[in-house]
Amino acid sequence: MNETTSVSESDFCIVGRVKWFDAVKGFGFVVADTGGPDILLHANVLRNFGQGSVADNSEVELRVQQTDRGLQAVEVLSLTPPTLDPETSALPIMDVNLDGIGLTPARVKWFDKAKGFGFANAYGTSEDIFLHVEVLHRCGLADLQSGEAVCLRIVEGDRGKLAAEVHAWDYATTNT
């Protein structure tokens, strides 16, 4: 069976910024760079792109459609994480070259967005890998769910292993 996405004549592409996205609610909104009304971004559309969440202020290119309820995203075409200010960051920018560090498949043990951190375990090991919310934001993510499959670039920190990059599982299939 071959699944295809139909393109309607009323579909058009926009570039904008994520106003907010709540993975628990399952939706968020995007504001087009050209202005206009907010554009609904449903979690299913984001999941089809391979992500379960997206950081606020990420740049996004969408295919959108006018519906009876307003503009709605029907496909995410590209996503660029927001640029974070190192002056206001709670986590210092790591001066580590990640080019030689491969992606490690892992599963989220738990993550608490309110606390700003959580832990994951690489497949085949029970050793904890620290996850910080600002690392997620730098990679374009906003939240993680317990049990979610991710791929990580892991470095050794002062207190043990920590994720220097966190990506959705699908990232590994197109970026290895």
C-alpha atoms as a PDB file:
ATOM      1  CA  MET A   1       0.000   0.000   0.000  1.00  0.00           C
ATOM      2  CA  ASN A   2       1.376   3.410  -0.921  1.00  0.00           C
ATOM      3  CA  GLU A   3       0.241   6.418   1.119  1.00  0.00           C
ATOM      4  CA  THR A   4       0.221   9.808  -0.565  1.00  0.00           C
ATOM      5  CA  THR A   5      -0.709  13.254   0.656  1.00  0.00           C
ATOM      6  CA  SER A   6      -3.208  15.012  -1.573  1.00  0.00           C
ATOM      7  CA  VAL A   7      -2.498  18.603  -2.478  1.00  0.00           C
ATOM      8  CA  SER A   8      -5.526  20.838  -2.737  1.00  0.00           C
ATOM      9  CA  GLU A   9      -5.634  23.819  -5.063  1.00  0.00           C
ATOM     10  CA  SER A  10      -6.354  25.962  -2.006  1.00  0.00           C
ATOM     11  CA  ASP A  11      -3.151  24.884  -0.230  1.00  0.00           C
ATOM     12  CA  PHE A  12      -0.299  27.377  -0.035  1.00  0.00           C
ATOM     13  CA  CYS A  13       3.063  27.609   1.714  1.00  0.00           C
ATOM     14  CA  ILE A  14       4.071  30.055   4.450  1.00  0.00           C
ATOM     15  CA  VAL A  15       7.138  30.698   6.567  1.00  0.00           C
ATOM     16  CA  GLY A  16       6.564  31.739  10.142  1.00  0.00           C
ATOM     17  CA  ARG A  17       7.388  31.251  13.812  1.00  0.00           C
ATOM     18  CA  VAL A  18       5.836  28.942  16.379  1.00  0.00           C
ATOM     19  CA  LYS A  19       3.809  31.151  18.727  1.00  0.00           C
ATOM     20  CA  TRP A  20       3.303  28.267  21.149  1.00  0.00           C
ATOM     21  CA  PHE A  21       2.815  24.508  21.054  1.00  0.00           C
ATOM     22  CA  ASP A  22       1.489  22.282  23.836  1.00  0.00           C
ATOM     23  CA  ALA A  23       2.188  18.577  23.287  1.00  0.00           C
ATOM     24  CA  VAL A  24      -0.276  17.613  26.049  1.00  0.00           C
ATOM     25  CA  LYS A  25      -3.124  19.577  24.424  1.00  0.00           C
ATOM     26  CA  GLY A  26      -2.033  18.296  21.020  1.00  0.00           C
ATOM     27  CA  PHE A  27      -1.860  21.591  19.178  1.00  0.00           C
ATOM     28  CA  GLY A  28      -0.351  25.041  18.960  1.00  0.00           C
ATOM     29  CA  PHE A  29      -0.219  28.070  16.698  1.00  0.00           C
ATOM     30  CA  VAL A  30       2.130  29.582  14.151  1.00  0.00           C
ATOM     31  CA  VAL A  31       2.330  33.243  13.126  1.00  0.00           C
ATOM     32  CA  ALA A  32       3.262  33.856   9.473  1.00  0.00           C
ATOM     33  CA  ASP A  33       6.176  36.212   8.802  1.00  0.00           C
ATOM     34  CA  THR A  34       3.871  38.151   6.473  1.00  0.00           C
ATOM     35  CA  GLY A  35       1.271  38.625   9.218  1.00  0.00           C
ATOM     36  CA  GLY A  36      -2.341  37.546   9.235  1.00  0.00           C
ATOM     37  CA  PRO A  37      -4.308  35.241  11.484  1.00  0.00           C
ATOM     38  CA  ASP A  38      -2.759  32.508  13.619  1.00  0.00           C
ATOM     39  CA  ILE A  39      -2.325  29.138  11.911  1.00  0.00           C
ATOM     40  CA  LEU A  40      -3.374  25.992  13.785  1.00  0.00           C
ATOM     41  CA  LEU A  41      -0.605  23.383  14.052  1.00  0.00           C
ATOM     42  CA  HIS A  42      -2.061  20.035  15.136  1.00  0.00           C
ATOM     43  CA  ALA A  43       0.144  17.407  16.823  1.00  0.00           C
ATOM     44  CA  ASN A  44      -0.624  14.865  14.068  1.00  0.00           C
ATOM     45  CA  VAL A  45       0.801  17.212  11.426  1.00  0.00           C
ATOM     46  CA  LEU A  46       3.930  17.662  13.543  1.00  0.00           C
ATOM     47  CA  ARG A  47       4.204  13.889  14.142  1.00  0.00           C
ATOM     48  CA  ASN A  48       4.033  13.305  10.376  1.00  0.00           C
ATOM     49  CA  PHE A  49       7.171  15.458  10.200  1.00  0.00           C
ATOM     50  CA  GLY A  50       8.746  13.160  12.832  1.00  0.00           C
ATOM     51  CA  GLN A  51       8.493  15.294  15.986  1.00  0.00           C
ATOM     52  CA  GLY A  52       6.236  15.171  19.010  1.00  0.00           C
ATOM     53  CA  SER A  53       6.849  18.768  20.060  1.00  0.00           C
ATOM     54  CA  VAL A  54       8.382  21.984  18.797  1.00  0.00           C
ATOM     55  CA  ALA A  55      10.078  24.821  20.678  1.00  0.00           C
ATOM     56  CA  ASP A  56       8.381  28.217  20.802  1.00  0.00           C
ATOM     57  CA  ASN A  57       9.831  30.704  18.318  1.00  0.00           C
ATOM     58  CA  SER A  58      11.145  27.967  16.001  1.00  0.00           C
ATOM     59  CA  GLU A  59      11.056  28.971  12.351  1.00  0.00           C
ATOM     60  CA  VAL A  60       8.727  26.717  10.414  1.00  0.00           C
ATOM     61  CA  GLU A  61       7.759  26.348   6.785  1.00  0.00           C
ATOM     62  CA  LEU A  62       4.263  24.954   6.382  1.00  0.00           C
ATOM     63  CA  ARG A  63       1.786  23.983   3.740  1.00  0.00           C
ATOM     64  CA  VAL A  64      -1.492  25.457   4.985  1.00  0.00           C
ATOM     65  CA  GLN A  65      -5.121  25.317   4.011  1.00  0.00           C
ATOM     66  CA  GLN A  66      -8.068  27.619   4.617  1.00  0.00           C
ATOM     67  CA  THR A  67     -10.833  25.780   6.510  1.00  0.00           C
ATOM     68  CA  ASP A  68     -14.194  26.821   7.945  1.00  0.00           C
ATOM     69  CA  ARG A  69     -12.384  27.410  11.255  1.00  0.00           C
ATOM     70  CA  GLY A  70      -9.446  29.394   9.834  1.00  0.00           C
ATOM     71  CA  LEU A  71      -5.965  28.570   8.587  1.00  0.00           C
ATOM     72  CA  GLN A  72      -4.641  25.134   9.428  1.00  0.00           C
ATOM     73  CA  ALA A  73      -1.264  23.514   8.764  1.00  0.00           C
ATOM     74  CA  VAL A  74      -1.520  20.356   6.684  1.00  0.00           C
ATOM     75  CA  GLU A  75       2.206  19.623   6.355  1.00  0.00           C
ATOM     76  CA  VAL A  76       5.452  20.736   8.003  1.00  0.00           C
ATOM     77  CA  LEU A  77       8.043  21.263   5.262  1.00  0.00           C
ATOM     78  CA  SER A  78      10.974  22.425   7.400  1.00  0.00           C
ATOM     79  CA  LEU A  79      11.761  23.386  10.960  1.00  0.00           C
ATOM     80  CA  THR A  80      14.652  25.487  12.286  1.00  0.00           C
ATOM     81  CA  PRO A  81      15.238  25.689  16.057  1.00  0.00           C
ATOM     82  CA  PRO A  82      15.109  29.128  17.663  1.00  0.00           C
ATOM     83  CA  THR A  83      18.292  31.054  18.317  1.00  0.00           C
ATOM     84  CA  LEU A  84      18.760  31.236  22.076  1.00  0.00           C
ATOM     85  CA  ASP A  85      20.572  34.040  23.869  1.00  0.00           C
ATOM     86  CA  PRO A  86      23.626  32.639  25.713  1.00  0.00           C
ATOM     87  CA  GLU A  87      23.405  35.584  28.155  1.00  0.00           C
ATOM     88  CA  THR A  88      20.016  34.466  29.476  1.00  0.00           C
ATOM     89  CA  SER A  89      20.600  30.727  29.147  1.00  0.00           C
ATOM     90  CA  ALA A  90      20.475  28.615  32.307  1.00  0.00           C
ATOM     91  CA  LEU A  91      22.778  26.120  30.618  1.00  0.00           C
ATOM     92  CA  PRO A  92      26.137  27.326  29.310  1.00  0.00           C
ATOM     93  CA  ILE A  93      26.874  26.647  25.654  1.00  0.00           C
ATOM     94  CA  MET A  94      28.995  23.516  25.567  1.00  0.00           C
ATOM     95  CA  ASP A  95      32.296  24.046  23.828  1.00  0.00           C
ATOM     96  CA  VAL A  96      32.351  20.510  22.451  1.00  0.00           C
ATOM     97  CA  ASN A  97      32.843  19.459  18.854  1.00  0.00           C
ATOM     98  CA  LEU A  98      29.991  17.049  18.188  1.00  0.00           C
ATOM     99  CA  ASP A  99      31.086  16.126  14.647  1.00  0.00           C
ATOM    100  CA  GLY A 100      32.753  12.886  15.744  1.00  0.00           C
ATOM    101  CA  ILE A 101      29.981  11.868  18.135  1.00  0.00           C
ATOM    102  CA  GLY A 102      27.457   9.498  16.630  1.00  0.00           C
ATOM    103  CA  LEU A 103      23.754   9.394  17.336  1.00  0.00           C
ATOM    104  CA  THR A 104      22.749   7.004  20.110  1.00  0.00           C
ATOM    105  CA  PRO A 105      19.252   5.505  20.139  1.00  0.00           C
ATOM    106  CA  ALA A 106      17.580   6.032  23.518  1.00  0.00           C
ATOM    107  CA  ARG A 107      14.238   6.027  25.284  1.00  0.00           C
ATOM    108  CA  VAL A 108      13.050   8.830  27.558  1.00  0.00           C
ATOM    109  CA  LYS A 109      12.845   7.590  31.148  1.00  0.00           C
ATOM    110  CA  TRP A 110      11.036  10.732  32.304  1.00  0.00           C
ATOM    111  CA  PHE A 111      11.054  14.429  31.508  1.00  0.00           C
ATOM    112  CA  ASP A 112       9.477  17.245  33.510  1.00  0.00           C
ATOM    113  CA  LYS A 113       9.128  20.430  31.464  1.00  0.00           C
ATOM    114  CA  ALA A 114       8.316  22.481  34.588  1.00  0.00           C
ATOM    115  CA  LYS A 115      11.546  21.349  36.293  1.00  0.00           C
ATOM    116  CA  GLY A 116      13.462  21.751  33.043  1.00  0.00           C
ATOM    117  CA  PHE A 117      15.157  18.361  32.973  1.00  0.00           C
ATOM    118  CA  GLY A 118      14.783  14.605  32.814  1.00  0.00           C
ATOM    119  CA  PHE A 119      16.635  11.425  31.968  1.00  0.00           C
ATOM    120  CA  ALA A 120      16.887   8.901  29.156  1.00  0.00           C
ATOM    121  CA  ASN A 121      18.501   5.494  28.827  1.00  0.00           C
ATOM    122  CA  ALA A 122      20.443   4.361  25.769  1.00  0.00           C
ATOM    123  CA  TYR A 123      19.107   1.090  24.401  1.00  0.00           C
ATOM    124  CA  GLY A 124      20.841  -1.842  26.060  1.00  0.00           C
ATOM    125  CA  THR A 125      21.906   0.023  29.197  1.00  0.00           C
ATOM    126  CA  SER A 126      20.267   1.314  32.363  1.00  0.00           C
ATOM    127  CA  GLU A 127      22.772   4.162  32.837  1.00  0.00           C
ATOM    128  CA  ASP A 128      20.992   7.531  33.052  1.00  0.00           C
ATOM    129  CA  ILE A 129      21.654  10.271  30.497  1.00  0.00           C
ATOM    130  CA  PHE A 130      20.749  13.769  31.684  1.00  0.00           C
ATOM    131  CA  LEU A 131      18.390  15.791  29.464  1.00  0.00           C
ATOM    132  CA  HIS A 132      18.145  19.579  29.904  1.00  0.00           C
ATOM    133  CA  VAL A 133      15.235  21.587  28.485  1.00  0.00           C
ATOM    134  CA  GLU A 134      17.569  24.159  26.888  1.00  0.00           C
ATOM    135  CA  VAL A 135      19.314  21.413  24.922  1.00  0.00           C
ATOM    136  CA  LEU A 136      15.872  20.384  23.666  1.00  0.00           C
ATOM    137  CA  HIS A 137      15.120  23.993  22.674  1.00  0.00           C
ATOM    138  CA  ARG A 138      18.442  24.282  20.828  1.00  0.00           C
ATOM    139  CA  CYS A 139      17.388  21.224  18.838  1.00  0.00           C
ATOM    140  CA  GLY A 140      13.882  22.547  18.144  1.00  0.00           C
ATOM    141  CA  LEU A 141      11.987  20.463  20.707  1.00  0.00           C
ATOM    142  CA  ALA A 142       9.876  21.699  23.603  1.00  0.00           C
ATOM    143  CA  ASP A 143       8.948  18.592  25.575  1.00  0.00           C
ATOM    144  CA  LEU A 144       9.451  14.824  25.727  1.00  0.00           C
ATOM    145  CA  GLN A 145       7.102  12.086  26.874  1.00  0.00           C
ATOM    146  CA  SER A 146       8.069   9.087  29.005  1.00  0.00           C
ATOM    147  CA  GLY A 147       8.834   6.152  26.737  1.00  0.00           C
ATOM    148  CA  GLU A 148       9.443   8.338  23.669  1.00  0.00           C
ATOM    149  CA  ALA A 149      12.181   7.090  21.333  1.00  0.00           C
ATOM    150  CA  VAL A 150      14.874   9.690  20.635  1.00  0.00           C
ATOM    151  CA  CYS A 151      18.409   9.842  19.303  1.00  0.00           C
ATOM    152  CA  LEU A 152      21.101  11.622  21.292  1.00  0.00           C
ATOM    153  CA  ARG A 153      24.634  12.903  20.933  1.00  0.00           C
ATOM    154  CA  ILE A 154      26.056  12.112  24.372  1.00  0.00           C
ATOM    155  CA  VAL A 155      29.028  13.739  26.111  1.00  0.00           C
ATOM    156  CA  GLU A 156      30.624  13.120  29.486  1.00  0.00           C
ATOM    157  CA  GLY A 157      29.803  15.883  31.970  1.00  0.00           C
ATOM    158  CA  ASP A 158      31.035  16.612  35.483  1.00  0.00           C
ATOM    159  CA  ARG A 159      28.285  14.413  36.955  1.00  0.00           C
ATOM    160  CA  GLY A 160      28.030  11.748  34.249  1.00  0.00           C
ATOM    161  CA  LYS A 161      26.559  11.409  30.789  1.00  0.00           C
ATOM    162  CA  LEU A 162      24.479  14.208  29.341  1.00  0.00           C
ATOM    163  CA  ALA A 163      22.785  14.829  26.043  1.00  0.00           C
ATOM    164  CA  ALA A 164      24.449  17.583  24.011  1.00  0.00           C
ATOM    165  CA  GLU A 165      21.824  17.104  21.267  1.00  0.00           C
ATOM    166  CA  VAL A 166      18.358  15.580  21.422  1.00  0.00           C
ATOM    167  CA  HIS A 167      16.426  14.729  18.286  1.00  0.00           C
ATOM    168  CA  ALA A 168      13.231  12.926  17.388  1.00  0.00           C
ATOM    169  CA  TRP A 169      13.771   9.302  16.441  1.00  0.00           C
ATOM    170  CA  ASP A 170      13.120  10.006  12.735  1.00  0.00           C
ATOM    171  CA  TYR A 171      16.062  12.440  12.668  1.00  0.00           C
ATOM    172  CA  ALA A 172      18.481   9.491  12.624  1.00  0.00           C
ATOM    173  CA  THR A 173      17.032   8.104   9.395  1.00  0.00           C
ATOM    174  CA  THR A 174      17.782  11.290   7.443  1.00  0.00           C
ATOM    175  CA  ASN A 175      20.853  12.685   9.257  1.00  0.00           C
ATOM    176  CA  THR A 176      23.349   9.862   9.721  1.00  0.00           C
END
